[in-house]
Each structure stands twice: as C-alpha cells, then as structure tokens.
Amino acid sequence: MDFSFDIREIATVTMVLFAVIDVIGSIPVIINLRQQAGEINAMKASLVSLGIMVVFLFAGESVLKLIGLTTSDFAIAGSLVIFFIALEMILGIRLYKDEMPATASVVPLAFPLIAGTGTLTTLLSMRAQYSMLSILIGIVVNVGIVYVVLKTMKHIERILGVGGISILRKVFGIVLLAIAVKIFRTNTGL
C-alpha cells in the first residue's frame, strides 16, 4: 500500500469526495430528517461515516466478494434507499419509520447519505489511482466538513425559513430521485 504524501493528490481526492458526498446538496434531506427525528447527533453521524468509509476503503471489496456481492449490487441497493428518501421529500409522506428516532444519525444519515454507495464505490475506484494516505486525508477533511454542516443545521434552517425549506426539499427531492435512478441505471445496464 502506498502511503506517499502529495498535496495535489490530496486536493484532488478531497474535491472528488466532496462532490460525491455532496453534503451541501443534502441539506434539505438532512433538514427533513432532523424534523422527523428531532435532534441529529453531528458527532455520531460524522464518526460513523468516517468509520464506514475507512473500513470500506481497506476491506470493502473483499467483504463484498466474501458474501457474493459486486459493487454494482451494492450500488443498486443503495440507490433504492435513496429513491425512497427522495419520494418522502417530494410527496411529503413518511416511508422510513423507526421506533427509535435517535438512530437517524446513523441510518439514513451516516449511511447511505454521507457514506453512501456512490462514496464507497468511489473509494474503491480511487485505490487504483491514489495513495492510501491521500485518500485517508481526503476522507478526514470531508468528514470535518460534514460535521460543521450538521452542527450548524439549526442556523441553516433558521436562515432558509419554512418556505425556503419546503421549496428546497421538493427541488432536491427530485434531484435525489434522479441520482437514485442514475445509480440504478448505471449499475443495471439499462
């Protein structure tokens, strides 16, 4: 495993992961989850996301092969979860029900929104191009950004207001739905 330090490589990995994680684009989803579940534990969601990404970076492909799955199978399953979250946002209904709302910090926030199938498959593909150190630093930087966004969610909500949140929820629900369809289509060959 290559643990060489290259600042340009780290910057590239960080930007790619930032685009794939898309925490800014997920703000309406996060607001929606916060309204459904009450509080979101920013530290817990960030640490779980970090753990999932690091473990998947080192063992993901082996674990998937061990249980007879491909990264495409994994991506399709994640696209279905994202699809249903998008439907909740667009239609204003609640499909995801959990007896313990505090778990929203882990599911569906840490996985599949932050450390989702797109992020995890990107990590697997980056292993062939970049050093492990660059990827690990990129993961840590992005989890730090996620933490800041989650921690300031109440302020973001207050700035947007009820009307702004409603509009963003519908618009980003459609975008999220399109992302789910794209992930599904890409991995099924349709």
C-alpha atoms as a PDB file:
ATOM      1  CA  MET A   1       0.000   0.000   0.000  1.00  0.00           C
ATOM      2  CA  ASP A   2       1.262   3.394  -0.983  1.00  0.00           C
ATOM      3  CA  PHE A   3       1.332   5.970   1.822  1.00  0.00           C
ATOM      4  CA  SER A   4       3.207   8.731  -0.040  1.00  0.00           C
ATOM      5  CA  PHE A   5       2.321  12.387   0.624  1.00  0.00           C
ATOM      6  CA  ASP A   6       1.357  14.529  -2.376  1.00  0.00           C
ATOM      7  CA  ILE A   7      -0.560  17.757  -1.711  1.00  0.00           C
ATOM      8  CA  ARG A   8      -2.045  17.944  -5.237  1.00  0.00           C
ATOM      9  CA  GLU A   9      -3.204  14.359  -4.996  1.00  0.00           C
ATOM     10  CA  ILE A  10      -4.759  15.054  -1.584  1.00  0.00           C
ATOM     11  CA  ALA A  11      -6.549  18.108  -3.007  1.00  0.00           C
ATOM     12  CA  THR A  12      -7.892  16.083  -5.943  1.00  0.00           C
ATOM     13  CA  VAL A  13      -9.132  13.250  -3.722  1.00  0.00           C
ATOM     14  CA  THR A  14     -10.712  15.742  -1.315  1.00  0.00           C
ATOM     15  CA  MET A  15     -12.555  17.553  -4.123  1.00  0.00           C
ATOM     16  CA  VAL A  16     -13.778  14.321  -5.712  1.00  0.00           C
ATOM     17  CA  LEU A  17     -15.082  13.043  -2.379  1.00  0.00           C
ATOM     18  CA  PHE A  18     -16.670  16.433  -1.632  1.00  0.00           C
ATOM     19  CA  ALA A  19     -18.562  16.264  -4.921  1.00  0.00           C
ATOM     20  CA  VAL A  20     -19.668  12.657  -4.369  1.00  0.00           C
ATOM     21  CA  ILE A  21     -20.683  13.109  -0.722  1.00  0.00           C
ATOM     22  CA  ASP A  22     -22.456  16.371  -1.657  1.00  0.00           C
ATOM     23  CA  VAL A  23     -23.264  17.425   1.901  1.00  0.00           C
ATOM     24  CA  ILE A  24     -24.334  20.875   0.692  1.00  0.00           C
ATOM     25  CA  GLY A  25     -26.817  19.346  -1.738  1.00  0.00           C
ATOM     26  CA  SER A  26     -28.043  17.061   1.047  1.00  0.00           C
ATOM     27  CA  ILE A  27     -29.021  19.955   3.335  1.00  0.00           C
ATOM     28  CA  PRO A  28     -32.751  19.622   2.510  1.00  0.00           C
ATOM     29  CA  VAL A  29     -32.601  15.870   3.206  1.00  0.00           C
ATOM     30  CA  ILE A  30     -30.807  16.492   6.494  1.00  0.00           C
ATOM     31  CA  ILE A  31     -33.347  19.151   7.487  1.00  0.00           C
ATOM     32  CA  ASN A  32     -36.125  16.711   6.635  1.00  0.00           C
ATOM     33  CA  LEU A  33     -34.516  14.004   8.790  1.00  0.00           C
ATOM     34  CA  ARG A  34     -33.997  16.455  11.637  1.00  0.00           C
ATOM     35  CA  GLN A  35     -37.658  17.451  11.535  1.00  0.00           C
ATOM     36  CA  GLN A  36     -38.740  13.804  11.581  1.00  0.00           C
ATOM     37  CA  ALA A  37     -36.283  12.510  14.157  1.00  0.00           C
ATOM     38  CA  GLY A  38     -35.774  15.557  16.349  1.00  0.00           C
ATOM     39  CA  GLU A  39     -32.097  16.080  17.003  1.00  0.00           C
ATOM     40  CA  ILE A  40     -29.275  14.731  14.886  1.00  0.00           C
ATOM     41  CA  ASN A  41     -26.072  13.896  16.689  1.00  0.00           C
ATOM     42  CA  ALA A  42     -23.459  15.543  14.429  1.00  0.00           C
ATOM     43  CA  MET A  43     -20.516  13.856  16.123  1.00  0.00           C
ATOM     44  CA  LYS A  44     -22.074  10.391  15.986  1.00  0.00           C
ATOM     45  CA  ALA A  45     -23.095  10.751  12.329  1.00  0.00           C
ATOM     46  CA  SER A  46     -19.632  12.050  11.404  1.00  0.00           C
ATOM     47  CA  LEU A  47     -17.733   9.337  13.284  1.00  0.00           C
ATOM     48  CA  VAL A  48     -19.932   6.538  11.931  1.00  0.00           C
ATOM     49  CA  SER A  49     -19.473   7.923   8.391  1.00  0.00           C
ATOM     50  CA  LEU A  50     -15.719   8.109   8.937  1.00  0.00           C
ATOM     51  CA  GLY A  51     -15.654   4.541  10.239  1.00  0.00           C
ATOM     52  CA  ILE A  52     -17.720   3.198   7.342  1.00  0.00           C
ATOM     53  CA  MET A  53     -15.538   4.934   4.757  1.00  0.00           C
ATOM     54  CA  VAL A  54     -12.219   3.850   6.276  1.00  0.00           C
ATOM     55  CA  VAL A  55     -13.327   0.250   6.791  1.00  0.00           C
ATOM     56  CA  PHE A  56     -14.756   0.098   3.282  1.00  0.00           C
ATOM     57  CA  LEU A  57     -11.569   1.596   1.836  1.00  0.00           C
ATOM     58  CA  PHE A  58      -9.487  -1.234   3.269  1.00  0.00           C
ATOM     59  CA  ALA A  59     -11.920  -4.163   3.325  1.00  0.00           C
ATOM     60  CA  GLY A  60     -14.930  -3.256   1.176  1.00  0.00           C
ATOM     61  CA  GLU A  61     -14.167  -5.174  -1.966  1.00  0.00           C
ATOM     62  CA  SER A  62     -13.091  -8.263  -0.008  1.00  0.00           C
ATOM     63  CA  VAL A  63     -16.218  -8.208   2.162  1.00  0.00           C
ATOM     64  CA  LEU A  64     -18.487  -7.817  -0.847  1.00  0.00           C
ATOM     65  CA  LYS A  65     -16.740 -10.702  -2.642  1.00  0.00           C
ATOM     66  CA  LEU A  66     -16.893 -12.824   0.512  1.00  0.00           C
ATOM     67  CA  ILE A  67     -20.685 -12.540   0.655  1.00  0.00           C
ATOM     68  CA  GLY A  68     -21.034 -12.919  -3.097  1.00  0.00           C
ATOM     69  CA  LEU A  69     -21.869  -9.329  -3.990  1.00  0.00           C
ATOM     70  CA  THR A  70     -20.419  -6.964  -6.547  1.00  0.00           C
ATOM     71  CA  THR A  71     -20.048  -3.227  -6.182  1.00  0.00           C
ATOM     72  CA  SER A  72     -22.931  -2.940  -8.669  1.00  0.00           C
ATOM     73  CA  ASP A  73     -25.199  -4.987  -6.381  1.00  0.00           C
ATOM     74  CA  PHE A  74     -24.223  -2.724  -3.524  1.00  0.00           C
ATOM     75  CA  ALA A  75     -24.829   0.416  -5.565  1.00  0.00           C
ATOM     76  CA  ILE A  76     -28.286  -0.781  -6.684  1.00  0.00           C
ATOM     77  CA  ALA A  77     -29.346  -1.460  -3.088  1.00  0.00           C
ATOM     78  CA  GLY A  78     -28.157   1.992  -2.044  1.00  0.00           C
ATOM     79  CA  SER A  79     -29.977   3.588  -4.977  1.00  0.00           C
ATOM     80  CA  LEU A  80     -33.249   2.067  -3.760  1.00  0.00           C
ATOM     81  CA  VAL A  81     -32.782   3.551  -0.276  1.00  0.00           C
ATOM     82  CA  ILE A  82     -32.018   6.965  -1.815  1.00  0.00           C
ATOM     83  CA  PHE A  83     -35.065   6.572  -4.105  1.00  0.00           C
ATOM     84  CA  PHE A  84     -37.402   6.132  -1.132  1.00  0.00           C
ATOM     85  CA  ILE A  85     -35.875   9.063   0.751  1.00  0.00           C
ATOM     86  CA  ALA A  86     -36.460  11.199  -2.365  1.00  0.00           C
ATOM     87  CA  LEU A  87     -40.092  10.072  -2.538  1.00  0.00           C
ATOM     88  CA  GLU A  88     -40.561  11.150   1.076  1.00  0.00           C
ATOM     89  CA  MET A  89     -39.232  14.602   0.233  1.00  0.00           C
ATOM     90  CA  ILE A  90     -41.244  15.084  -2.956  1.00  0.00           C
ATOM     91  CA  LEU A  91     -44.565  13.677  -1.774  1.00  0.00           C
ATOM     92  CA  GLY A  92     -44.397  14.887   1.816  1.00  0.00           C
ATOM     93  CA  ILE A  93     -45.019  11.380   3.147  1.00  0.00           C
ATOM     94  CA  ARG A  94     -43.091   9.252   5.568  1.00  0.00           C
ATOM     95  CA  LEU A  95     -41.928   5.845   4.375  1.00  0.00           C
ATOM     96  CA  TYR A  96     -38.923   5.446   6.651  1.00  0.00           C
ATOM     97  CA  LYS A  97     -40.240   4.610  10.095  1.00  0.00           C
ATOM     98  CA  ASP A  98     -38.084   3.766  13.055  1.00  0.00           C
ATOM     99  CA  GLU A  99     -39.151   3.156  16.613  1.00  0.00           C
ATOM    100  CA  MET A 100     -36.069   4.963  17.898  1.00  0.00           C
ATOM    101  CA  PRO A 101     -35.747   8.275  16.038  1.00  0.00           C
ATOM    102  CA  ALA A 102     -32.320   8.909  17.553  1.00  0.00           C
ATOM    103  CA  THR A 103     -30.915   6.378  15.065  1.00  0.00           C
ATOM    104  CA  ALA A 104     -31.458   8.851  12.211  1.00  0.00           C
ATOM    105  CA  SER A 105     -27.894   9.961  12.945  1.00  0.00           C
ATOM    106  CA  VAL A 106     -26.705   6.598  11.661  1.00  0.00           C
ATOM    107  CA  VAL A 107     -29.391   5.376   9.230  1.00  0.00           C
ATOM    108  CA  PRO A 108     -30.185   7.006   6.839  1.00  0.00           C
ATOM    109  CA  LEU A 109     -27.814   9.932   7.558  1.00  0.00           C
ATOM    110  CA  ALA A 110     -24.374   8.348   8.033  1.00  0.00           C
ATOM    111  CA  PHE A 111     -25.370   5.585   5.638  1.00  0.00           C
ATOM    112  CA  PRO A 112     -26.470   5.918   2.844  1.00  0.00           C
ATOM    113  CA  LEU A 113     -26.477   9.752   2.611  1.00  0.00           C
ATOM    114  CA  ILE A 114     -22.939  10.607   3.729  1.00  0.00           C
ATOM    115  CA  ALA A 115     -21.107   7.303   3.336  1.00  0.00           C
ATOM    116  CA  GLY A 116     -23.380   6.080   0.573  1.00  0.00           C
ATOM    117  CA  THR A 117     -22.877   3.717  -2.294  1.00  0.00           C
ATOM    118  CA  GLY A 118     -21.506   6.482  -4.517  1.00  0.00           C
ATOM    119  CA  THR A 119     -18.922   7.412  -1.905  1.00  0.00           C
ATOM    120  CA  LEU A 120     -17.970   3.832  -1.168  1.00  0.00           C
ATOM    121  CA  THR A 121     -17.628   2.773  -4.795  1.00  0.00           C
ATOM    122  CA  THR A 122     -15.623   5.963  -5.458  1.00  0.00           C
ATOM    123  CA  LEU A 123     -13.267   4.993  -2.638  1.00  0.00           C
ATOM    124  CA  LEU A 124     -12.758   1.564  -4.198  1.00  0.00           C
ATOM    125  CA  SER A 125     -12.005   3.060  -7.600  1.00  0.00           C
ATOM    126  CA  MET A 126      -9.622   5.699  -6.157  1.00  0.00           C
ATOM    127  CA  ARG A 127      -7.459   2.984  -4.613  1.00  0.00           C
ATOM    128  CA  ALA A 128      -6.118   2.219  -8.082  1.00  0.00           C
ATOM    129  CA  GLN A 129      -5.104   5.855  -8.752  1.00  0.00           C
ATOM    130  CA  TYR A 130      -4.116   7.488  -5.477  1.00  0.00           C
ATOM    131  CA  SER A 131      -2.072   6.685  -2.391  1.00  0.00           C
ATOM    132  CA  MET A 132      -3.840   5.450   0.719  1.00  0.00           C
ATOM    133  CA  LEU A 133      -2.575   8.460   2.674  1.00  0.00           C
ATOM    134  CA  SER A 134      -4.141  10.880   0.175  1.00  0.00           C
ATOM    135  CA  ILE A 135      -7.449   9.029   0.303  1.00  0.00           C
ATOM    136  CA  LEU A 136      -7.439   8.887   4.114  1.00  0.00           C
ATOM    137  CA  ILE A 137      -6.697  12.614   4.398  1.00  0.00           C
ATOM    138  CA  GLY A 138      -9.447  13.337   1.845  1.00  0.00           C
ATOM    139  CA  ILE A 139     -11.893  11.283   3.911  1.00  0.00           C
ATOM    140  CA  VAL A 140     -10.967  13.091   7.149  1.00  0.00           C
ATOM    141  CA  VAL A 141     -11.265  16.551   5.560  1.00  0.00           C
ATOM    142  CA  ASN A 142     -14.686  15.717   4.131  1.00  0.00           C
ATOM    143  CA  VAL A 143     -15.961  14.263   7.396  1.00  0.00           C
ATOM    144  CA  GLY A 144     -14.837  17.506   9.060  1.00  0.00           C
ATOM    145  CA  ILE A 145     -16.910  19.487   6.543  1.00  0.00           C
ATOM    146  CA  VAL A 146     -19.883  17.179   7.136  1.00  0.00           C
ATOM    147  CA  TYR A 147     -19.554  17.715  10.892  1.00  0.00           C
ATOM    148  CA  VAL A 148     -19.577  21.516  10.514  1.00  0.00           C
ATOM    149  CA  VAL A 149     -22.660  21.407   8.262  1.00  0.00           C
ATOM    150  CA  LEU A 150     -24.510  19.063  10.647  1.00  0.00           C
ATOM    151  CA  LYS A 151     -23.513  21.111  13.687  1.00  0.00           C
ATOM    152  CA  THR A 152     -24.799  24.358  12.128  1.00  0.00           C
ATOM    153  CA  MET A 153     -28.007  22.834  10.747  1.00  0.00           C
ATOM    154  CA  LYS A 154     -30.276  24.826  13.114  1.00  0.00           C
ATOM    155  CA  HIS A 155     -28.758  28.087  11.866  1.00  0.00           C
ATOM    156  CA  ILE A 156     -29.095  26.995   8.247  1.00  0.00           C
ATOM    157  CA  GLU A 157     -32.734  26.083   8.910  1.00  0.00           C
ATOM    158  CA  ARG A 158     -33.424  29.462  10.501  1.00  0.00           C
ATOM    159  CA  ILE A 159     -31.857  31.311   7.560  1.00  0.00           C
ATOM    160  CA  LEU A 160     -33.878  29.343   4.992  1.00  0.00           C
ATOM    161  CA  GLY A 161     -37.193  29.607   6.822  1.00  0.00           C
ATOM    162  CA  VAL A 162     -40.205  27.310   6.430  1.00  0.00           C
ATOM    163  CA  GLY A 163     -40.917  28.342   2.831  1.00  0.00           C
ATOM    164  CA  GLY A 164     -37.311  28.017   1.747  1.00  0.00           C
ATOM    165  CA  ILE A 165     -37.012  24.597   3.346  1.00  0.00           C
ATOM    166  CA  SER A 166     -40.192  23.416   1.622  1.00  0.00           C
ATOM    167  CA  ILE A 167     -39.004  24.590  -1.788  1.00  0.00           C
ATOM    168  CA  LEU A 168     -35.517  23.115  -1.302  1.00  0.00           C
ATOM    169  CA  ARG A 169     -36.996  19.827  -0.083  1.00  0.00           C
ATOM    170  CA  LYS A 170     -39.077  19.413  -3.255  1.00  0.00           C
ATOM    171  CA  VAL A 171     -36.336  20.529  -5.640  1.00  0.00           C
ATOM    172  CA  PHE A 172     -33.620  18.418  -4.040  1.00  0.00           C
ATOM    173  CA  GLY A 173     -36.048  15.521  -3.688  1.00  0.00           C
ATOM    174  CA  ILE A 174     -36.301  15.461  -7.468  1.00  0.00           C
ATOM    175  CA  VAL A 175     -32.520  15.777  -7.799  1.00  0.00           C
ATOM    176  CA  LEU A 176     -32.045  12.939  -5.294  1.00  0.00           C
ATOM    177  CA  LEU A 177     -34.582  10.847  -7.197  1.00  0.00           C
ATOM    178  CA  ALA A 178     -32.647  11.448 -10.415  1.00  0.00           C
ATOM    179  CA  ILE A 179     -29.386  10.459  -8.693  1.00  0.00           C
ATOM    180  CA  ALA A 180     -31.008   7.237  -7.459  1.00  0.00           C
ATOM    181  CA  VAL A 181     -32.255   6.451 -10.961  1.00  0.00           C
ATOM    182  CA  LYS A 182     -28.804   7.188 -12.437  1.00  0.00           C
ATOM    183  CA  ILE A 183     -27.051   4.916  -9.918  1.00  0.00           C
ATOM    184  CA  PHE A 184     -29.622   2.190 -10.612  1.00  0.00           C
ATOM    185  CA  ARG A 185     -29.404   2.590 -14.409  1.00  0.00           C
ATOM    186  CA  THR A 186     -25.601   2.707 -14.434  1.00  0.00           C
ATOM    187  CA  ASN A 187     -25.321  -0.471 -12.400  1.00  0.00           C
ATOM    188  CA  THR A 188     -28.002  -2.457 -14.196  1.00  0.00           C
ATOM    189  CA  GLY A 189     -27.023  -1.529 -17.742  1.00  0.00           C
ATOM    190  CA  LEU A 190     -30.472  -0.117 -18.537  1.00  0.00           C
END
